[in-house]
Amino acid sequence: MQESVKTALPGIAPKEFSVFIGFLRLHTLFVRGLDAELRAAHGLPLTAFEVMNWRAYAPGRRMRMSALADSVLLSLSGITRLVERLERAGLVVREPSPDDRRGFFTTLTETGLARLEEAQVTHVAGIRRRLLEHLSEEEIDTLGALWERLIEMQPPSPPSR
């Protein structure tokens, strides 16, 4: 990062701003890179991979649409459009909730699970190459503890719409 970066927010020191901007830039680079790799190798955008991955570890490979939207940080309308595309591709099925006629569950199909397992190999390789290979065990432990502490300190997010 350039040392000449000036604070773009009043009330925050340049080195503090550098930490914040560095975090945002790294996140952007990670997301763009992992997304491009998954699209090229498996025809799946990162958001679709995340949706499928969350379902793979849910009981019965099934989740409510609202819980899924919260898990992947998409709006309910955004998750609905994404699930519709995955459903057309035969990777998930959508079923009405037996308890709530307005709610839906989505379930990962066998085809979806097979595609996900292939994509997981690419995804893990990307994570290792972009991050983990550049850190010592001590740095991994330290970053993990810092992320956990910062996550725990965050106020609750408003519900998705």
N, C-alpha and C. Protein backbone atom coordinates (compact mmCIF):
# COMPACT_ATOMS: atom_id res chain seq x y z
N MET A 1 0.84 -1.17 0.00
CA MET A 1 0.00 0.00 0.00
C MET A 1 0.89 1.24 0.00
N GLN A 2 0.46 2.27 -0.67
CA GLN A 2 1.23 3.50 -0.75
C GLN A 2 1.26 4.21 0.59
N GLU A 3 2.43 4.74 0.94
CA GLU A 3 2.55 5.48 2.20
C GLU A 3 1.92 6.86 2.09
N SER A 4 1.73 7.36 0.89
CA SER A 4 1.20 8.70 0.73
C SER A 4 -0.33 8.74 0.77
N VAL A 5 -0.97 7.61 1.11
CA VAL A 5 -2.42 7.59 1.21
C VAL A 5 -2.85 8.56 2.30
N LYS A 6 -3.74 9.46 1.93
CA LYS A 6 -4.25 10.42 2.90
C LYS A 6 -5.56 9.90 3.45
N THR A 7 -5.83 10.29 4.67
CA THR A 7 -7.08 9.90 5.30
C THR A 7 -8.23 10.52 4.53
N ALA A 8 -9.18 9.69 4.17
CA ALA A 8 -10.34 10.17 3.44
C ALA A 8 -11.54 10.33 4.36
N LEU A 9 -11.34 10.12 5.65
CA LEU A 9 -12.42 10.27 6.63
C LEU A 9 -11.93 11.12 7.79
N PRO A 10 -12.70 12.13 8.17
CA PRO A 10 -12.28 12.92 9.33
C PRO A 10 -12.35 12.05 10.59
N GLY A 11 -11.41 12.26 11.49
CA GLY A 11 -11.43 11.55 12.77
C GLY A 11 -10.72 10.21 12.76
N ILE A 12 -10.03 9.89 11.68
CA ILE A 12 -9.29 8.62 11.63
C ILE A 12 -7.88 8.92 11.15
N ALA A 13 -6.90 8.41 11.85
CA ALA A 13 -5.49 8.65 11.51
C ALA A 13 -5.11 7.92 10.23
N PRO A 14 -4.10 8.41 9.51
CA PRO A 14 -3.69 7.75 8.27
C PRO A 14 -3.37 6.26 8.43
N LYS A 15 -2.67 5.89 9.51
CA LYS A 15 -2.35 4.46 9.65
C LYS A 15 -3.61 3.65 9.96
N GLU A 16 -4.57 4.22 10.67
CA GLU A 16 -5.84 3.54 10.93
C GLU A 16 -6.62 3.37 9.62
N PHE A 17 -6.63 4.44 8.83
CA PHE A 17 -7.31 4.40 7.54
C PHE A 17 -6.65 3.35 6.63
N SER A 18 -5.33 3.26 6.69
CA SER A 18 -4.59 2.28 5.91
C SER A 18 -5.01 0.85 6.27
N VAL A 19 -5.23 0.58 7.56
CA VAL A 19 -5.69 -0.74 8.00
C VAL A 19 -7.07 -1.04 7.41
N PHE A 20 -7.96 -0.05 7.51
CA PHE A 20 -9.32 -0.22 7.01
C PHE A 20 -9.33 -0.44 5.49
N ILE A 21 -8.64 0.44 4.77
CA ILE A 21 -8.60 0.33 3.31
C ILE A 21 -7.89 -0.95 2.88
N GLY A 22 -6.84 -1.32 3.58
CA GLY A 22 -6.14 -2.57 3.26
C GLY A 22 -7.06 -3.77 3.40
N PHE A 23 -7.84 -3.80 4.46
CA PHE A 23 -8.81 -4.88 4.67
C PHE A 23 -9.81 -4.92 3.51
N LEU A 24 -10.36 -3.76 3.14
CA LEU A 24 -11.34 -3.72 2.05
C LEU A 24 -10.72 -4.13 0.71
N ARG A 25 -9.52 -3.64 0.43
CA ARG A 25 -8.85 -3.98 -0.83
C ARG A 25 -8.55 -5.48 -0.90
N LEU A 26 -8.05 -6.04 0.19
CA LEU A 26 -7.74 -7.47 0.21
C LEU A 26 -9.01 -8.29 0.01
N HIS A 27 -10.08 -7.91 0.69
CA HIS A 27 -11.35 -8.61 0.52
C HIS A 27 -11.81 -8.56 -0.94
N THR A 28 -11.73 -7.39 -1.54
CA THR A 28 -12.13 -7.24 -2.94
C THR A 28 -11.28 -8.12 -3.86
N LEU A 29 -9.97 -8.10 -3.66
CA LEU A 29 -9.09 -8.93 -4.48
C LEU A 29 -9.38 -10.42 -4.30
N PHE A 30 -9.61 -10.84 -3.06
CA PHE A 30 -9.95 -12.25 -2.79
C PHE A 30 -11.23 -12.64 -3.51
N VAL A 31 -12.28 -11.86 -3.31
CA VAL A 31 -13.58 -12.19 -3.88
C VAL A 31 -13.50 -12.23 -5.40
N ARG A 32 -12.89 -11.22 -6.00
CA ARG A 32 -12.78 -11.20 -7.46
C ARG A 32 -11.96 -12.39 -7.98
N GLY A 33 -10.85 -12.68 -7.32
CA GLY A 33 -10.00 -13.78 -7.77
C GLY A 33 -10.67 -15.14 -7.61
N LEU A 34 -11.25 -15.39 -6.44
CA LEU A 34 -11.93 -16.67 -6.22
C LEU A 34 -13.13 -16.82 -7.15
N ASP A 35 -13.86 -15.73 -7.36
CA ASP A 35 -15.01 -15.76 -8.26
C ASP A 35 -14.57 -16.11 -9.68
N ALA A 36 -13.52 -15.46 -10.17
CA ALA A 36 -13.03 -15.72 -11.52
C ALA A 36 -12.58 -17.18 -11.68
N GLU A 37 -11.89 -17.71 -10.67
CA GLU A 37 -11.43 -19.10 -10.75
C GLU A 37 -12.59 -20.08 -10.78
N LEU A 38 -13.60 -19.85 -9.94
CA LEU A 38 -14.75 -20.75 -9.91
C LEU A 38 -15.57 -20.67 -11.20
N ARG A 39 -15.72 -19.47 -11.73
CA ARG A 39 -16.44 -19.31 -13.00
C ARG A 39 -15.71 -20.04 -14.13
N ALA A 40 -14.39 -19.83 -14.20
CA ALA A 40 -13.61 -20.42 -15.29
C ALA A 40 -13.58 -21.94 -15.21
N ALA A 41 -13.40 -22.48 -14.03
CA ALA A 41 -13.22 -23.94 -13.88
C ALA A 41 -14.54 -24.70 -13.78
N HIS A 42 -15.60 -24.05 -13.23
CA HIS A 42 -16.82 -24.81 -12.93
C HIS A 42 -18.10 -24.12 -13.38
N GLY A 43 -17.98 -22.93 -13.96
CA GLY A 43 -19.17 -22.21 -14.39
C GLY A 43 -20.03 -21.73 -13.23
N LEU A 44 -19.42 -21.59 -12.05
CA LEU A 44 -20.16 -21.16 -10.86
C LEU A 44 -19.59 -19.85 -10.33
N PRO A 45 -20.41 -18.83 -10.19
CA PRO A 45 -19.92 -17.64 -9.49
C PRO A 45 -19.73 -17.96 -8.01
N LEU A 46 -18.93 -17.16 -7.34
CA LEU A 46 -18.65 -17.38 -5.92
C LEU A 46 -19.93 -17.40 -5.09
N THR A 47 -20.89 -16.55 -5.40
CA THR A 47 -22.14 -16.53 -4.63
C THR A 47 -22.88 -17.86 -4.76
N ALA A 48 -22.90 -18.44 -5.96
CA ALA A 48 -23.55 -19.73 -6.15
C ALA A 48 -22.82 -20.82 -5.38
N PHE A 49 -21.49 -20.77 -5.42
CA PHE A 49 -20.69 -21.73 -4.66
C PHE A 49 -21.05 -21.64 -3.17
N GLU A 50 -21.11 -20.42 -2.64
CA GLU A 50 -21.42 -20.25 -1.22
C GLU A 50 -22.80 -20.79 -0.88
N VAL A 51 -23.79 -20.50 -1.72
CA VAL A 51 -25.14 -21.01 -1.50
C VAL A 51 -25.14 -22.53 -1.48
N MET A 52 -24.47 -23.14 -2.42
CA MET A 52 -24.42 -24.59 -2.49
C MET A 52 -23.63 -25.16 -1.31
N ASN A 53 -22.56 -24.51 -0.94
CA ASN A 53 -21.72 -25.00 0.15
C ASN A 53 -22.48 -24.96 1.48
N TRP A 54 -23.21 -23.88 1.75
CA TRP A 54 -24.00 -23.82 2.99
C TRP A 54 -25.01 -24.97 3.03
N ARG A 55 -25.63 -25.24 1.91
CA ARG A 55 -26.62 -26.33 1.88
C ARG A 55 -25.99 -27.69 2.07
N ALA A 56 -24.80 -27.87 1.57
CA ALA A 56 -24.14 -29.18 1.65
C ALA A 56 -23.96 -29.63 3.08
N TYR A 57 -23.83 -28.69 4.01
CA TYR A 57 -23.57 -29.05 5.41
C TYR A 57 -24.79 -28.85 6.30
N ALA A 58 -25.90 -28.46 5.73
CA ALA A 58 -27.14 -28.32 6.49
C ALA A 58 -27.79 -29.70 6.59
N PRO A 59 -28.57 -29.93 7.65
CA PRO A 59 -29.27 -31.21 7.76
C PRO A 59 -30.10 -31.50 6.51
N GLY A 60 -29.91 -32.67 5.93
CA GLY A 60 -30.63 -33.05 4.72
C GLY A 60 -30.23 -32.23 3.50
N ARG A 61 -29.09 -31.48 3.59
CA ARG A 61 -28.64 -30.57 2.53
C ARG A 61 -29.73 -29.56 2.16
N ARG A 62 -30.46 -29.11 3.17
CA ARG A 62 -31.65 -28.29 2.97
C ARG A 62 -31.66 -27.11 3.92
N MET A 63 -32.06 -25.92 3.42
CA MET A 63 -32.15 -24.70 4.25
C MET A 63 -33.35 -23.87 3.80
N ARG A 64 -33.87 -23.11 4.75
CA ARG A 64 -34.90 -22.12 4.41
C ARG A 64 -34.24 -21.01 3.60
N MET A 65 -34.98 -20.46 2.68
CA MET A 65 -34.45 -19.38 1.85
C MET A 65 -34.01 -18.19 2.70
N SER A 66 -34.77 -17.83 3.71
CA SER A 66 -34.42 -16.68 4.55
C SER A 66 -33.11 -16.92 5.31
N ALA A 67 -32.91 -18.12 5.82
CA ALA A 67 -31.66 -18.45 6.52
C ALA A 67 -30.49 -18.44 5.55
N LEU A 68 -30.73 -18.91 4.36
CA LEU A 68 -29.70 -18.93 3.33
C LEU A 68 -29.30 -17.51 2.96
N ALA A 69 -30.27 -16.62 2.81
CA ALA A 69 -29.98 -15.21 2.48
C ALA A 69 -29.11 -14.58 3.56
N ASP A 70 -29.39 -14.86 4.82
CA ASP A 70 -28.58 -14.32 5.91
C ASP A 70 -27.17 -14.92 5.91
N SER A 71 -27.05 -16.19 5.56
CA SER A 71 -25.75 -16.86 5.57
C SER A 71 -24.80 -16.32 4.53
N VAL A 72 -25.30 -15.96 3.36
CA VAL A 72 -24.43 -15.50 2.28
C VAL A 72 -24.50 -14.00 2.06
N LEU A 73 -25.16 -13.29 2.94
CA LEU A 73 -25.22 -11.83 2.90
C LEU A 73 -25.81 -11.30 1.61
N LEU A 74 -26.88 -11.94 1.14
CA LEU A 74 -27.64 -11.45 -0.01
C LEU A 74 -29.04 -11.09 0.46
N SER A 75 -29.69 -10.21 -0.27
CA SER A 75 -31.09 -9.91 0.05
C SER A 75 -31.93 -11.13 -0.31
N LEU A 76 -33.13 -11.20 0.23
CA LEU A 76 -34.02 -12.32 -0.08
C LEU A 76 -34.33 -12.35 -1.58
N SER A 77 -34.51 -11.17 -2.20
CA SER A 77 -34.77 -11.16 -3.65
C SER A 77 -33.53 -11.61 -4.42
N GLY A 78 -32.34 -11.22 -3.96
CA GLY A 78 -31.11 -11.66 -4.62
C GLY A 78 -30.91 -13.15 -4.51
N ILE A 79 -31.20 -13.71 -3.34
CA ILE A 79 -31.04 -15.15 -3.16
C ILE A 79 -32.08 -15.90 -3.98
N THR A 80 -33.27 -15.33 -4.10
CA THR A 80 -34.32 -15.97 -4.89
C THR A 80 -33.90 -16.08 -6.35
N ARG A 81 -33.36 -15.00 -6.90
CA ARG A 81 -32.90 -15.03 -8.31
C ARG A 81 -31.77 -16.04 -8.49
N LEU A 82 -30.83 -16.07 -7.55
CA LEU A 82 -29.72 -17.00 -7.64
C LEU A 82 -30.21 -18.45 -7.54
N VAL A 83 -31.11 -18.72 -6.61
CA VAL A 83 -31.64 -20.08 -6.45
C VAL A 83 -32.41 -20.49 -7.69
N GLU A 84 -33.14 -19.56 -8.31
CA GLU A 84 -33.85 -19.89 -9.55
C GLU A 84 -32.88 -20.34 -10.64
N ARG A 85 -31.74 -19.66 -10.76
CA ARG A 85 -30.73 -20.06 -11.75
C ARG A 85 -30.15 -21.44 -11.42
N LEU A 86 -29.87 -21.67 -10.14
CA LEU A 86 -29.33 -22.98 -9.72
C LEU A 86 -30.36 -24.08 -9.94
N GLU A 87 -31.63 -23.76 -9.73
CA GLU A 87 -32.70 -24.74 -9.94
C GLU A 87 -32.81 -25.09 -11.43
N ARG A 88 -32.75 -24.08 -12.31
CA ARG A 88 -32.80 -24.34 -13.76
C ARG A 88 -31.63 -25.22 -14.20
N ALA A 89 -30.49 -25.09 -13.52
CA ALA A 89 -29.31 -25.89 -13.85
C ALA A 89 -29.36 -27.28 -13.22
N GLY A 90 -30.39 -27.56 -12.42
CA GLY A 90 -30.53 -28.87 -11.80
C GLY A 90 -29.64 -29.07 -10.58
N LEU A 91 -29.12 -27.98 -10.01
CA LEU A 91 -28.20 -28.09 -8.88
C LEU A 91 -28.92 -28.04 -7.53
N VAL A 92 -30.09 -27.44 -7.49
CA VAL A 92 -30.91 -27.38 -6.28
C VAL A 92 -32.37 -27.59 -6.67
N VAL A 93 -33.18 -27.93 -5.69
CA VAL A 93 -34.63 -27.94 -5.85
C VAL A 93 -35.22 -27.06 -4.75
N ARG A 94 -36.33 -26.45 -5.08
CA ARG A 94 -37.02 -25.58 -4.13
C ARG A 94 -38.36 -26.22 -3.77
N GLU A 95 -38.65 -26.24 -2.47
CA GLU A 95 -39.88 -26.88 -1.99
C GLU A 95 -40.57 -25.97 -1.01
N PRO A 96 -41.91 -25.90 -1.06
CA PRO A 96 -42.62 -25.08 -0.08
C PRO A 96 -42.45 -25.67 1.33
N SER A 97 -42.42 -24.79 2.30
CA SER A 97 -42.31 -25.23 3.69
C SER A 97 -43.64 -25.85 4.12
N PRO A 98 -43.59 -27.01 4.76
CA PRO A 98 -44.85 -27.61 5.22
C PRO A 98 -45.46 -26.83 6.39
N ASP A 99 -44.64 -26.06 7.09
CA ASP A 99 -45.10 -25.31 8.27
C ASP A 99 -45.54 -23.89 7.95
N ASP A 100 -45.08 -23.34 6.85
CA ASP A 100 -45.32 -21.94 6.53
C ASP A 100 -45.49 -21.85 5.02
N ARG A 101 -46.69 -21.60 4.56
CA ARG A 101 -46.96 -21.62 3.12
C ARG A 101 -46.21 -20.54 2.35
N ARG A 102 -45.76 -19.50 3.05
CA ARG A 102 -45.02 -18.44 2.36
C ARG A 102 -43.55 -18.79 2.23
N GLY A 103 -43.04 -19.67 3.09
CA GLY A 103 -41.62 -19.99 3.11
C GLY A 103 -41.26 -21.13 2.17
N PHE A 104 -40.00 -21.15 1.78
CA PHE A 104 -39.49 -22.20 0.92
C PHE A 104 -38.20 -22.76 1.49
N PHE A 105 -37.98 -24.03 1.22
CA PHE A 105 -36.71 -24.68 1.49
C PHE A 105 -36.02 -24.90 0.15
N THR A 106 -34.71 -24.91 0.17
CA THR A 106 -33.96 -25.32 -1.01
C THR A 106 -33.07 -26.47 -0.60
N THR A 107 -32.96 -27.44 -1.49
CA THR A 107 -32.19 -28.64 -1.22
C THR A 107 -31.18 -28.84 -2.34
N LEU A 108 -29.98 -29.17 -1.98
CA LEU A 108 -28.92 -29.46 -2.94
C LEU A 108 -29.19 -30.84 -3.55
N THR A 109 -29.18 -30.93 -4.88
CA THR A 109 -29.39 -32.20 -5.56
C THR A 109 -28.09 -33.01 -5.59
N GLU A 110 -28.17 -34.25 -5.98
CA GLU A 110 -26.96 -35.07 -6.14
C GLU A 110 -26.04 -34.46 -7.19
N THR A 111 -26.63 -33.95 -8.27
CA THR A 111 -25.83 -33.27 -9.30
C THR A 111 -25.15 -32.04 -8.72
N GLY A 112 -25.91 -31.28 -7.92
CA GLY A 112 -25.35 -30.09 -7.27
C GLY A 112 -24.22 -30.44 -6.32
N LEU A 113 -24.39 -31.52 -5.56
CA LEU A 113 -23.37 -31.94 -4.62
C LEU A 113 -22.09 -32.35 -5.35
N ALA A 114 -22.23 -33.08 -6.45
CA ALA A 114 -21.05 -33.49 -7.24
C ALA A 114 -20.33 -32.27 -7.80
N ARG A 115 -21.08 -31.31 -8.32
CA ARG A 115 -20.47 -30.09 -8.87
C ARG A 115 -19.79 -29.29 -7.78
N LEU A 116 -20.43 -29.22 -6.62
CA LEU A 116 -19.86 -28.50 -5.48
C LEU A 116 -18.54 -29.14 -5.05
N GLU A 117 -18.52 -30.46 -4.93
CA GLU A 117 -17.30 -31.14 -4.49
C GLU A 117 -16.13 -30.87 -5.44
N GLU A 118 -16.39 -30.80 -6.74
CA GLU A 118 -15.34 -30.44 -7.69
C GLU A 118 -14.89 -29.00 -7.48
N ALA A 119 -15.85 -28.11 -7.28
CA ALA A 119 -15.53 -26.69 -7.10
C ALA A 119 -14.81 -26.43 -5.77
N GLN A 120 -15.08 -27.24 -4.76
CA GLN A 120 -14.41 -27.06 -3.47
C GLN A 120 -12.90 -27.22 -3.60
N VAL A 121 -12.47 -28.12 -4.46
CA VAL A 121 -11.03 -28.32 -4.68
C VAL A 121 -10.41 -27.04 -5.22
N THR A 122 -11.05 -26.43 -6.20
CA THR A 122 -10.57 -25.17 -6.78
C THR A 122 -10.58 -24.06 -5.74
N HIS A 123 -11.65 -23.99 -4.98
CA HIS A 123 -11.82 -22.94 -3.98
C HIS A 123 -10.74 -23.03 -2.90
N VAL A 124 -10.52 -24.21 -2.38
CA VAL A 124 -9.51 -24.41 -1.34
C VAL A 124 -8.11 -24.07 -1.88
N ALA A 125 -7.83 -24.49 -3.11
CA ALA A 125 -6.53 -24.17 -3.71
C ALA A 125 -6.36 -22.65 -3.82
N GLY A 126 -7.42 -21.95 -4.19
CA GLY A 126 -7.36 -20.49 -4.28
C GLY A 126 -7.13 -19.84 -2.93
N ILE A 127 -7.79 -20.33 -1.90
CA ILE A 127 -7.60 -19.80 -0.55
C ILE A 127 -6.16 -20.02 -0.09
N ARG A 128 -5.66 -21.20 -0.33
CA ARG A 128 -4.27 -21.49 0.07
C ARG A 128 -3.29 -20.59 -0.68
N ARG A 129 -3.45 -20.49 -1.99
CA ARG A 129 -2.52 -19.72 -2.82
C ARG A 129 -2.59 -18.22 -2.52
N ARG A 130 -3.77 -17.70 -2.25
CA ARG A 130 -3.95 -16.27 -2.04
C ARG A 130 -3.68 -15.83 -0.60
N LEU A 131 -3.74 -16.77 0.36
CA LEU A 131 -3.62 -16.36 1.76
C LEU A 131 -2.74 -17.29 2.59
N LEU A 132 -3.17 -18.50 2.77
CA LEU A 132 -2.57 -19.38 3.76
C LEU A 132 -1.10 -19.69 3.52
N GLU A 133 -0.68 -19.82 2.25
CA GLU A 133 0.73 -20.11 1.95
C GLU A 133 1.66 -18.97 2.35
N HIS A 134 1.10 -17.79 2.58
CA HIS A 134 1.91 -16.61 2.87
C HIS A 134 1.98 -16.31 4.37
N LEU A 135 1.40 -17.17 5.18
CA LEU A 135 1.34 -16.95 6.62
C LEU A 135 1.99 -18.10 7.37
N SER A 136 2.64 -17.77 8.49
CA SER A 136 3.16 -18.81 9.38
C SER A 136 2.00 -19.36 10.22
N GLU A 137 2.24 -20.47 10.89
CA GLU A 137 1.22 -21.03 11.78
C GLU A 137 0.84 -20.01 12.86
N GLU A 138 1.83 -19.32 13.38
CA GLU A 138 1.57 -18.30 14.42
C GLU A 138 0.70 -17.17 13.86
N GLU A 139 0.99 -16.73 12.66
CA GLU A 139 0.19 -15.66 12.04
C GLU A 139 -1.23 -16.13 11.77
N ILE A 140 -1.39 -17.38 11.37
CA ILE A 140 -2.73 -17.93 11.15
C ILE A 140 -3.50 -17.94 12.47
N ASP A 141 -2.85 -18.39 13.55
CA ASP A 141 -3.50 -18.40 14.86
C ASP A 141 -3.88 -16.98 15.30
N THR A 142 -2.96 -16.04 15.11
CA THR A 142 -3.20 -14.65 15.51
C THR A 142 -4.35 -14.04 14.71
N LEU A 143 -4.31 -14.20 13.39
CA LEU A 143 -5.39 -13.65 12.57
C LEU A 143 -6.73 -14.28 12.90
N GLY A 144 -6.74 -15.59 13.10
CA GLY A 144 -7.99 -16.26 13.46
C GLY A 144 -8.57 -15.70 14.74
N ALA A 145 -7.73 -15.49 15.74
CA ALA A 145 -8.20 -14.93 17.02
C ALA A 145 -8.67 -13.48 16.84
N LEU A 146 -7.95 -12.71 16.04
CA LEU A 146 -8.37 -11.32 15.80
C LEU A 146 -9.71 -11.26 15.08
N TRP A 147 -9.87 -12.04 14.02
CA TRP A 147 -11.15 -12.04 13.29
C TRP A 147 -12.28 -12.43 14.22
N GLU A 148 -12.07 -13.47 15.03
CA GLU A 148 -13.11 -13.93 15.95
C GLU A 148 -13.49 -12.82 16.92
N ARG A 149 -12.49 -12.16 17.49
CA ARG A 149 -12.76 -11.07 18.44
C ARG A 149 -13.53 -9.93 17.77
N LEU A 150 -13.10 -9.56 16.58
CA LEU A 150 -13.78 -8.47 15.86
C LEU A 150 -15.20 -8.85 15.46
N ILE A 151 -15.40 -10.08 15.07
CA ILE A 151 -16.74 -10.55 14.72
C ILE A 151 -17.66 -10.50 15.94
N GLU A 152 -17.17 -10.98 17.06
CA GLU A 152 -17.97 -11.00 18.29
C GLU A 152 -18.36 -9.60 18.76
N MET A 153 -17.55 -8.60 18.43
CA MET A 153 -17.80 -7.24 18.88
C MET A 153 -18.80 -6.49 18.00
N GLN A 154 -19.17 -7.06 16.86
CA GLN A 154 -20.05 -6.35 15.93
C GLN A 154 -21.49 -6.34 16.43
N PRO A 155 -22.17 -5.19 16.26
CA PRO A 155 -23.59 -5.15 16.62
C PRO A 155 -24.37 -6.04 15.66
N PRO A 156 -25.53 -6.51 16.07
CA PRO A 156 -26.32 -7.37 15.17
C PRO A 156 -26.71 -6.61 13.91
N SER A 157 -26.74 -7.32 12.81
CA SER A 157 -27.15 -6.75 11.53
C SER A 157 -28.67 -6.70 11.48
N PRO A 158 -29.21 -5.71 10.77
CA PRO A 158 -30.68 -5.71 10.61
C PRO A 158 -31.09 -6.91 9.76
N PRO A 159 -32.30 -7.40 9.95
CA PRO A 159 -32.75 -8.57 9.16
C PRO A 159 -32.77 -8.23 7.67
N SER A 160 -32.50 -9.25 6.84
CA SER A 160 -32.55 -9.05 5.39
C SER A 160 -33.99 -8.94 4.94
N ARG A 161 -34.15 -8.26 3.82
CA ARG A 161 -35.51 -8.06 3.30
C ARG A 161 -35.72 -8.81 2.03
